[in-house]
Amino acid sequence: PPSSTGLVTLPEEERVKILEGLKKNWEKLNSDYQKLSLTVDTVPKISRKVNMEQQLKMLEDNIHKFSHPNILVNFAGAYAQRA
């Protein structure tokens, strides 16, 4: 049940599922990134490379966050929207 602050601990099973999904997404994106041409000489290629690097960084940050046990989730906003 949510506390008065709206924070609840994410169940360990959910945390592990999320972490596994993030790692799979990172592996797929990293594999695609490794296949990029070594010559990134056009605007679309540069844009794609930068976008992939940003996505990889975001996934790495989220993997780091979800690697810790006892993740707190704020459900206050979700409950307020339903009311």
PDB file of N, CA and C in Angstrom:
ATOM      1  N   PRO A   1       0.828  -1.199   0.000  1.00  0.00           N
ATOM      2  CA  PRO A   1       0.000   0.000   0.000  1.00  0.00           C
ATOM      3  C   PRO A   1       0.863   1.250   0.000  1.00  0.00           C
ATOM      4  N   PRO A   2       0.422   2.293  -0.683  1.00  0.00           N
ATOM      5  CA  PRO A   2       1.223   3.511  -0.742  1.00  0.00           C
ATOM      6  C   PRO A   2       1.300   4.201   0.604  1.00  0.00           C
ATOM      7  N   SER A   3       2.437   4.787   0.877  1.00  0.00           N
ATOM      8  CA  SER A   3       2.586   5.560   2.104  1.00  0.00           C
ATOM      9  C   SER A   3       1.965   6.929   1.876  1.00  0.00           C
ATOM     10  N   SER A   4       1.991   7.772   2.900  1.00  0.00           N
ATOM     11  CA  SER A   4       1.407   9.108   2.765  1.00  0.00           C
ATOM     12  C   SER A   4       2.145   9.925   1.704  1.00  0.00           C
ATOM     13  N   THR A   5       3.389   9.556   1.403  1.00  0.00           N
ATOM     14  CA  THR A   5       4.148  10.266   0.371  1.00  0.00           C
ATOM     15  C   THR A   5       3.871   9.698  -1.011  1.00  0.00           C
ATOM     16  N   GLY A   6       3.143   8.583  -1.071  1.00  0.00           N
ATOM     17  CA  GLY A   6       2.853   7.959  -2.358  1.00  0.00           C
ATOM     18  C   GLY A   6       3.942   7.023  -2.829  1.00  0.00           C
ATOM     19  N   LEU A   7       4.993   6.828  -2.021  1.00  0.00           N
ATOM     20  CA  LEU A   7       6.103   5.967  -2.417  1.00  0.00           C
ATOM     21  C   LEU A   7       5.883   4.541  -1.939  1.00  0.00           C
ATOM     22  N   VAL A   8       6.094   3.591  -2.836  1.00  0.00           N
ATOM     23  CA  VAL A   8       6.039   2.175  -2.469  1.00  0.00           C
ATOM     24  C   VAL A   8       7.285   1.496  -3.028  1.00  0.00           C
ATOM     25  N   THR A   9       7.688   0.421  -2.407  1.00  0.00           N
ATOM     26  CA  THR A   9       8.842  -0.335  -2.892  1.00  0.00           C
ATOM     27  C   THR A   9       8.406  -1.204  -4.069  1.00  0.00           C
ATOM     28  N   LEU A  10       9.144  -1.106  -5.152  1.00  0.00           N
ATOM     29  CA  LEU A  10       8.869  -1.916  -6.325  1.00  0.00           C
ATOM     30  C   LEU A  10       9.163  -3.377  -5.976  1.00  0.00           C
ATOM     31  N   PRO A  11       8.202  -4.286  -6.233  1.00  0.00           N
ATOM     32  CA  PRO A  11       8.472  -5.698  -5.929  1.00  0.00           C
ATOM     33  C   PRO A  11       9.726  -6.186  -6.654  1.00  0.00           C
ATOM     34  N   GLU A  12      10.509  -7.008  -5.976  1.00  0.00           N
ATOM     35  CA  GLU A  12      11.780  -7.497  -6.528  1.00  0.00           C
ATOM     36  C   GLU A  12      11.574  -8.170  -7.884  1.00  0.00           C
ATOM     37  N   GLU A  13      10.516  -8.949  -8.021  1.00  0.00           N
ATOM     38  CA  GLU A  13      10.236  -9.639  -9.292  1.00  0.00           C
ATOM     39  C   GLU A  13      10.059  -8.631 -10.427  1.00  0.00           C
ATOM     40  N   GLU A  14       9.352  -7.537 -10.153  1.00  0.00           N
ATOM     41  CA  GLU A  14       9.152  -6.498 -11.169  1.00  0.00           C
ATOM     42  C   GLU A  14      10.467  -5.805 -11.501  1.00  0.00           C
ATOM     43  N   ARG A  15      11.266  -5.520 -10.461  1.00  0.00           N
ATOM     44  CA  ARG A  15      12.556  -4.863 -10.676  1.00  0.00           C
ATOM     45  C   ARG A  15      13.443  -5.707 -11.587  1.00  0.00           C
ATOM     46  N   VAL A  16      13.475  -7.004 -11.334  1.00  0.00           N
ATOM     47  CA  VAL A  16      14.304  -7.916 -12.131  1.00  0.00           C
ATOM     48  C   VAL A  16      13.799  -7.975 -13.573  1.00  0.00           C
ATOM     49  N   LYS A  17      12.477  -8.022 -13.757  1.00  0.00           N
ATOM     50  CA  LYS A  17      11.911  -8.048 -15.115  1.00  0.00           C
ATOM     51  C   LYS A  17      12.285  -6.781 -15.885  1.00  0.00           C
ATOM     52  N   ILE A  18      12.163  -5.639 -15.222  1.00  0.00           N
ATOM     53  CA  ILE A  18      12.500  -4.370 -15.859  1.00  0.00           C
ATOM     54  C   ILE A  18      13.981  -4.342 -16.212  1.00  0.00           C
ATOM     55  N   LEU A  19      14.814  -4.771 -15.274  1.00  0.00           N
ATOM     56  CA  LEU A  19      16.260  -4.779 -15.494  1.00  0.00           C
ATOM     57  C   LEU A  19      16.626  -5.687 -16.670  1.00  0.00           C
ATOM     58  N   GLU A  20      16.023  -6.875 -16.740  1.00  0.00           N
ATOM     59  CA  GLU A  20      16.294  -7.792 -17.848  1.00  0.00           C
ATOM     60  C   GLU A  20      15.867  -7.168 -19.179  1.00  0.00           C
ATOM     61  N   GLY A  21      14.712  -6.516 -19.191  1.00  0.00           N
ATOM     62  CA  GLY A  21      14.234  -5.864 -20.408  1.00  0.00           C
ATOM     63  C   GLY A  21      15.159  -4.741 -20.852  1.00  0.00           C
ATOM     64  N   LEU A  22      15.623  -3.946 -19.894  1.00  0.00           N
ATOM     65  CA  LEU A  22      16.550  -2.856 -20.210  1.00  0.00           C
ATOM     66  C   LEU A  22      17.845  -3.407 -20.798  1.00  0.00           C
ATOM     67  N   LYS A  23      18.353  -4.491 -20.210  1.00  0.00           N
ATOM     68  CA  LYS A  23      19.601  -5.085 -20.701  1.00  0.00           C
ATOM     69  C   LYS A  23      19.429  -5.648 -22.114  1.00  0.00           C
ATOM     70  N   LYS A  24      18.283  -6.280 -22.384  1.00  0.00           N
ATOM     71  CA  LYS A  24      18.019  -6.805 -23.730  1.00  0.00           C
ATOM     72  C   LYS A  24      17.952  -5.670 -24.739  1.00  0.00           C
ATOM     73  N   ASN A  25      17.261  -4.584 -24.365  1.00  0.00           N
ATOM     74  CA  ASN A  25      17.169  -3.425 -25.255  1.00  0.00           C
ATOM     75  C   ASN A  25      18.546  -2.833 -25.523  1.00  0.00           C
ATOM     76  N   TRP A  26      19.384  -2.759 -24.475  1.00  0.00           N
ATOM     77  CA  TRP A  26      20.725  -2.223 -24.644  1.00  0.00           C
ATOM     78  C   TRP A  26      21.546  -3.105 -25.574  1.00  0.00           C
ATOM     79  N   GLU A  27      21.456  -4.422 -25.382  1.00  0.00           N
ATOM     80  CA  GLU A  27      22.222  -5.358 -26.229  1.00  0.00           C
ATOM     81  C   GLU A  27      21.824  -5.221 -27.700  1.00  0.00           C
ATOM     82  N   LYS A  28      20.513  -5.122 -27.965  1.00  0.00           N
ATOM     83  CA  LYS A  28      20.032  -4.991 -29.338  1.00  0.00           C
ATOM     84  C   LYS A  28      20.514  -3.675 -29.943  1.00  0.00           C
ATOM     85  N   LEU A  29      20.336  -2.578 -29.213  1.00  0.00           N
ATOM     86  CA  LEU A  29      20.738  -1.270 -29.715  1.00  0.00           C
ATOM     87  C   LEU A  29      22.249  -1.196 -29.903  1.00  0.00           C
ATOM     88  N   ASN A  30      23.001  -1.755 -28.954  1.00  0.00           N
ATOM     89  CA  ASN A  30      24.453  -1.744 -29.066  1.00  0.00           C
ATOM     90  C   ASN A  30      24.912  -2.563 -30.269  1.00  0.00           C
ATOM     91  N   SER A  31      24.249  -3.673 -30.516  1.00  0.00           N
ATOM     92  CA  SER A  31      24.572  -4.499 -31.690  1.00  0.00           C
ATOM     93  C   SER A  31      24.340  -3.703 -32.974  1.00  0.00           C
ATOM     94  N   ASP A  32      23.191  -3.004 -33.031  1.00  0.00           N
ATOM     95  CA  ASP A  32      22.894  -2.169 -34.200  1.00  0.00           C
ATOM     96  C   ASP A  32      23.922  -1.045 -34.335  1.00  0.00           C
ATOM     97  N   TYR A  33      24.297  -0.471 -33.210  1.00  0.00           N
ATOM     98  CA  TYR A  33      25.270   0.630 -33.205  1.00  0.00           C
ATOM     99  C   TYR A  33      26.623   0.152 -33.744  1.00  0.00           C
ATOM    100  N   GLN A  34      27.035  -1.049 -33.350  1.00  0.00           N
ATOM    101  CA  GLN A  34      28.322  -1.597 -33.798  1.00  0.00           C
ATOM    102  C   GLN A  34      28.330  -1.836 -35.313  1.00  0.00           C
ATOM    103  N   LYS A  35      27.145  -2.014 -35.882  1.00  0.00           N
ATOM    104  CA  LYS A  35      27.042  -2.287 -37.324  1.00  0.00           C
ATOM    105  C   LYS A  35      27.030  -1.010 -38.163  1.00  0.00           C
ATOM    106  N   LEU A  36      26.989   0.155 -37.502  1.00  0.00           N
ATOM    107  CA  LEU A  36      26.997   1.406 -38.256  1.00  0.00           C
ATOM    108  C   LEU A  36      28.289   1.525 -39.059  1.00  0.00           C
ATOM    109  N   SER A  37      28.181   2.187 -40.177  1.00  0.00           N
ATOM    110  CA  SER A  37      29.341   2.428 -41.018  1.00  0.00           C
ATOM    111  C   SER A  37      30.386   3.228 -40.249  1.00  0.00           C
ATOM    112  N   LEU A  38      31.643   2.934 -40.502  1.00  0.00           N
ATOM    113  CA  LEU A  38      32.713   3.676 -39.844  1.00  0.00           C
ATOM    114  C   LEU A  38      32.782   5.111 -40.367  1.00  0.00           C
ATOM    115  N   THR A  39      32.319   5.313 -41.590  1.00  0.00           N
ATOM    116  CA  THR A  39      32.296   6.669 -42.143  1.00  0.00           C
ATOM    117  C   THR A  39      30.924   7.263 -41.941  1.00  0.00           C
ATOM    118  N   VAL A  40      30.835   8.119 -40.956  1.00  0.00           N
ATOM    119  CA  VAL A  40      29.580   8.803 -40.663  1.00  0.00           C
ATOM    120  C   VAL A  40      29.711  10.186 -41.287  1.00  0.00           C
ATOM    121  N   ASP A  41      29.381  10.247 -42.588  1.00  0.00           N
ATOM    122  CA  ASP A  41      29.712  11.438 -43.363  1.00  0.00           C
ATOM    123  C   ASP A  41      28.502  12.212 -43.894  1.00  0.00           C
ATOM    124  N   THR A  42      27.309  11.746 -43.594  1.00  0.00           N
ATOM    125  CA  THR A  42      26.128  12.471 -44.047  1.00  0.00           C
ATOM    126  C   THR A  42      25.292  12.859 -42.822  1.00  0.00           C
ATOM    127  N   VAL A  43      24.452  13.870 -42.992  1.00  0.00           N
ATOM    128  CA  VAL A  43      23.630  14.341 -41.881  1.00  0.00           C
ATOM    129  C   VAL A  43      22.740  13.225 -41.315  1.00  0.00           C
ATOM    130  N   PRO A  44      22.058  12.449 -42.162  1.00  0.00           N
ATOM    131  CA  PRO A  44      21.234  11.355 -41.599  1.00  0.00           C
ATOM    132  C   PRO A  44      22.070  10.332 -40.809  1.00  0.00           C
ATOM    133  N   LYS A  45      23.261  10.004 -41.301  1.00  0.00           N
ATOM    134  CA  LYS A  45      24.120   9.044 -40.583  1.00  0.00           C
ATOM    135  C   LYS A  45      24.571   9.616 -39.249  1.00  0.00           C
ATOM    136  N   ILE A  46      24.961  10.893 -39.255  1.00  0.00           N
ATOM    137  CA  ILE A  46      25.401  11.548 -38.020  1.00  0.00           C
ATOM    138  C   ILE A  46      24.243  11.593 -37.026  1.00  0.00           C
ATOM    139  N   SER A  47      23.075  11.975 -37.531  1.00  0.00           N
ATOM    140  CA  SER A  47      21.885  12.073 -36.677  1.00  0.00           C
ATOM    141  C   SER A  47      21.542  10.715 -36.072  1.00  0.00           C
ATOM    142  N   ARG A  48      21.585   9.667 -36.877  1.00  0.00           N
ATOM    143  CA  ARG A  48      21.272   8.316 -36.390  1.00  0.00           C
ATOM    144  C   ARG A  48      22.273   7.879 -35.327  1.00  0.00           C
ATOM    145  N   LYS A  49      23.564   8.144 -35.587  1.00  0.00           N
ATOM    146  CA  LYS A  49      24.614   7.761 -34.635  1.00  0.00           C
ATOM    147  C   LYS A  49      24.418   8.486 -33.305  1.00  0.00           C
ATOM    148  N   VAL A  50      24.182   9.797 -33.354  1.00  0.00           N
ATOM    149  CA  VAL A  50      23.984  10.586 -32.132  1.00  0.00           C
ATOM    150  C   VAL A  50      22.753  10.098 -31.380  1.00  0.00           C
ATOM    151  N   ASN A  51      21.675   9.840 -32.111  1.00  0.00           N
ATOM    152  CA  ASN A  51      20.443   9.361 -31.489  1.00  0.00           C
ATOM    153  C   ASN A  51      20.671   8.022 -30.792  1.00  0.00           C
ATOM    154  N   MET A  52      21.382   7.117 -31.454  1.00  0.00           N
ATOM    155  CA  MET A  52      21.658   5.807 -30.857  1.00  0.00           C
ATOM    156  C   MET A  52      22.532   5.956 -29.611  1.00  0.00           C
ATOM    157  N   GLU A  53      23.511   6.866 -29.661  1.00  0.00           N
ATOM    158  CA  GLU A  53      24.376   7.087 -28.498  1.00  0.00           C
ATOM    159  C   GLU A  53      23.558   7.620 -27.321  1.00  0.00           C
ATOM    160  N   GLN A  54      22.608   8.512 -27.596  1.00  0.00           N
ATOM    161  CA  GLN A  54      21.756   9.056 -26.537  1.00  0.00           C
ATOM    162  C   GLN A  54      20.876   7.959 -25.941  1.00  0.00           C
ATOM    163  N   GLN A  55      20.333   7.095 -26.800  1.00  0.00           N
ATOM    164  CA  GLN A  55      19.499   5.995 -26.311  1.00  0.00           C
ATOM    165  C   GLN A  55      20.315   5.017 -25.473  1.00  0.00           C
ATOM    166  N   LEU A  56      21.532   4.698 -25.925  1.00  0.00           N
ATOM    167  CA  LEU A  56      22.403   3.799 -25.165  1.00  0.00           C
ATOM    168  C   LEU A  56      22.708   4.394 -23.789  1.00  0.00           C
ATOM    169  N   LYS A  57      23.005   5.691 -23.741  1.00  0.00           N
ATOM    170  CA  LYS A  57      23.311   6.357 -22.477  1.00  0.00           C
ATOM    171  C   LYS A  57      22.105   6.300 -21.547  1.00  0.00           C
ATOM    172  N   MET A  58      20.908   6.563 -22.077  1.00  0.00           N
ATOM    173  CA  MET A  58      19.699   6.526 -21.270  1.00  0.00           C
ATOM    174  C   MET A  58      19.460   5.117 -20.721  1.00  0.00           C
ATOM    175  N   LEU A  59      19.641   4.098 -21.575  1.00  0.00           N
ATOM    176  CA  LEU A  59      19.479   2.715 -21.122  1.00  0.00           C
ATOM    177  C   LEU A  59      20.510   2.372 -20.048  1.00  0.00           C
ATOM    178  N   GLU A  60      21.754   2.813 -20.240  1.00  0.00           N
ATOM    179  CA  GLU A  60      22.800   2.543 -19.246  1.00  0.00           C
ATOM    180  C   GLU A  60      22.453   3.195 -17.910  1.00  0.00           C
ATOM    181  N   ASP A  61      21.944   4.423 -17.951  1.00  0.00           N
ATOM    182  CA  ASP A  61      21.539   5.110 -16.715  1.00  0.00           C
ATOM    183  C   ASP A  61      20.413   4.339 -16.013  1.00  0.00           C
ATOM    184  N   ASN A  62      19.429   3.889 -16.791  1.00  0.00           N
ATOM    185  CA  ASN A  62      18.308   3.149 -16.208  1.00  0.00           C
ATOM    186  C   ASN A  62      18.743   1.783 -15.686  1.00  0.00           C
ATOM    187  N   ILE A  63      19.651   1.120 -16.396  1.00  0.00           N
ATOM    188  CA  ILE A  63      20.185  -0.166 -15.926  1.00  0.00           C
ATOM    189  C   ILE A  63      20.882   0.048 -14.578  1.00  0.00           C
ATOM    190  N   HIS A  64      21.647   1.126 -14.474  1.00  0.00           N
ATOM    191  CA  HIS A  64      22.331   1.433 -13.211  1.00  0.00           C
ATOM    192  C   HIS A  64      21.312   1.645 -12.091  1.00  0.00           C
ATOM    193  N   LYS A  65      20.262   2.404 -12.367  1.00  0.00           N
ATOM    194  CA  LYS A  65      19.236   2.680 -11.351  1.00  0.00           C
ATOM    195  C   LYS A  65      18.535   1.402 -10.904  1.00  0.00           C
ATOM    196  N   PHE A  66      18.164   0.553 -11.864  1.00  0.00           N
ATOM    197  CA  PHE A  66      17.409  -0.652 -11.529  1.00  0.00           C
ATOM    198  C   PHE A  66      18.303  -1.795 -11.040  1.00  0.00           C
ATOM    199  N   SER A  67      19.611  -1.576 -11.015  1.00  0.00           N
ATOM    200  CA  SER A  67      20.529  -2.596 -10.488  1.00  0.00           C
ATOM    201  C   SER A  67      20.531  -2.599  -8.966  1.00  0.00           C
ATOM    202  N   HIS A  68      19.983  -1.548  -8.354  1.00  0.00           N
ATOM    203  CA  HIS A  68      19.926  -1.452  -6.901  1.00  0.00           C
ATOM    204  C   HIS A  68      18.610  -2.031  -6.390  1.00  0.00           C
ATOM    205  N   PRO A  69      18.665  -2.767  -5.268  1.00  0.00           N
ATOM    206  CA  PRO A  69      17.415  -3.254  -4.683  1.00  0.00           C
ATOM    207  C   PRO A  69      16.658  -2.098  -4.029  1.00  0.00           C
ATOM    208  N   ASN A  70      15.447  -2.360  -3.623  1.00  0.00           N
ATOM    209  CA  ASN A  70      14.621  -1.380  -2.914  1.00  0.00           C
ATOM    210  C   ASN A  70      14.384  -0.104  -3.723  1.00  0.00           C
ATOM    211  N   ILE A  71      13.855  -0.277  -4.921  1.00  0.00           N
ATOM    212  CA  ILE A  71      13.482   0.857  -5.760  1.00  0.00           C
ATOM    213  C   ILE A  71      12.149   1.397  -5.251  1.00  0.00           C
ATOM    214  N   LEU A  72      12.086   2.700  -5.014  1.00  0.00           N
ATOM    215  CA  LEU A  72      10.839   3.322  -4.586  1.00  0.00           C
ATOM    216  C   LEU A  72      10.138   3.918  -5.800  1.00  0.00           C
ATOM    217  N   VAL A  73       8.839   3.679  -5.884  1.00  0.00           N
ATOM    218  CA  VAL A  73       8.044   4.162  -7.006  1.00  0.00           C
ATOM    219  C   VAL A  73       6.977   5.095  -6.455  1.00  0.00           C
ATOM    220  N   ASN A  74       6.769   6.218  -7.126  1.00  0.00           N
ATOM    221  CA  ASN A  74       5.779   7.192  -6.690  1.00  0.00           C
ATOM    222  C   ASN A  74       4.477   6.962  -7.450  1.00  0.00           C
ATOM    223  N   PHE A  75       3.462   6.479  -6.741  1.00  0.00           N
ATOM    224  CA  PHE A  75       2.157   6.243  -7.359  1.00  0.00           C
ATOM    225  C   PHE A  75       1.182   7.386  -7.099  1.00  0.00           C
ATOM    226  N   ALA A  76       1.611   8.408  -6.375  1.00  0.00           N
ATOM    227  CA  ALA A  76       0.713   9.505  -6.021  1.00  0.00           C
ATOM    228  C   ALA A  76       0.091  10.134  -7.251  1.00  0.00           C
ATOM    229  N   GLY A  77       0.883  10.368  -8.290  1.00  0.00           N
ATOM    230  CA  GLY A  77       0.377  10.962  -9.522  1.00  0.00           C
ATOM    231  C   GLY A  77      -0.631  10.074 -10.212  1.00  0.00           C
ATOM    232  N   ALA A  78      -0.386   8.774 -10.201  1.00  0.00           N
ATOM    233  CA  ALA A  78      -1.291   7.816 -10.861  1.00  0.00           C
ATOM    234  C   ALA A  78      -2.634   7.789 -10.154  1.00  0.00           C
ATOM    235  N   TYR A  79      -2.615   7.815  -8.807  1.00  0.00           N
ATOM    236  CA  TYR A  79      -3.872   7.786  -8.066  1.00  0.00           C
ATOM    237  C   TYR A  79      -4.640   9.094  -8.240  1.00  0.00           C
ATOM    238  N   ALA A  80      -3.915  10.197  -8.291  1.00  0.00           N
ATOM    239  CA  ALA A  80      -4.563  11.502  -8.427  1.00  0.00           C
ATOM    240  C   ALA A  80      -5.269  11.621  -9.776  1.00  0.00           C
ATOM    241  N   GLN A  81      -4.686  11.043 -10.834  1.00  0.00           N
ATOM    242  CA  GLN A  81      -5.279  11.138 -12.167  1.00  0.00           C
ATOM    243  C   GLN A  81      -6.554  10.321 -12.272  1.00  0.00           C
ATOM    244  N   ARG A  82      -6.654   9.256 -11.506  1.00  0.00           N
ATOM    245  CA  ARG A  82      -7.845   8.395 -11.571  1.00  0.00           C
ATOM    246  C   ARG A  82      -9.019   8.976 -10.798  1.00  0.00           C
ATOM    247  N   ALA A  83      -8.718   9.806  -9.840  1.00  0.00           N
ATOM    248  CA  ALA A  83      -9.772  10.345  -8.963  1.00  0.00           C
ATOM    249  C   ALA A  83     -10.673  11.323  -9.707  1.00  0.00           C
TER     250      ALA A  83
END
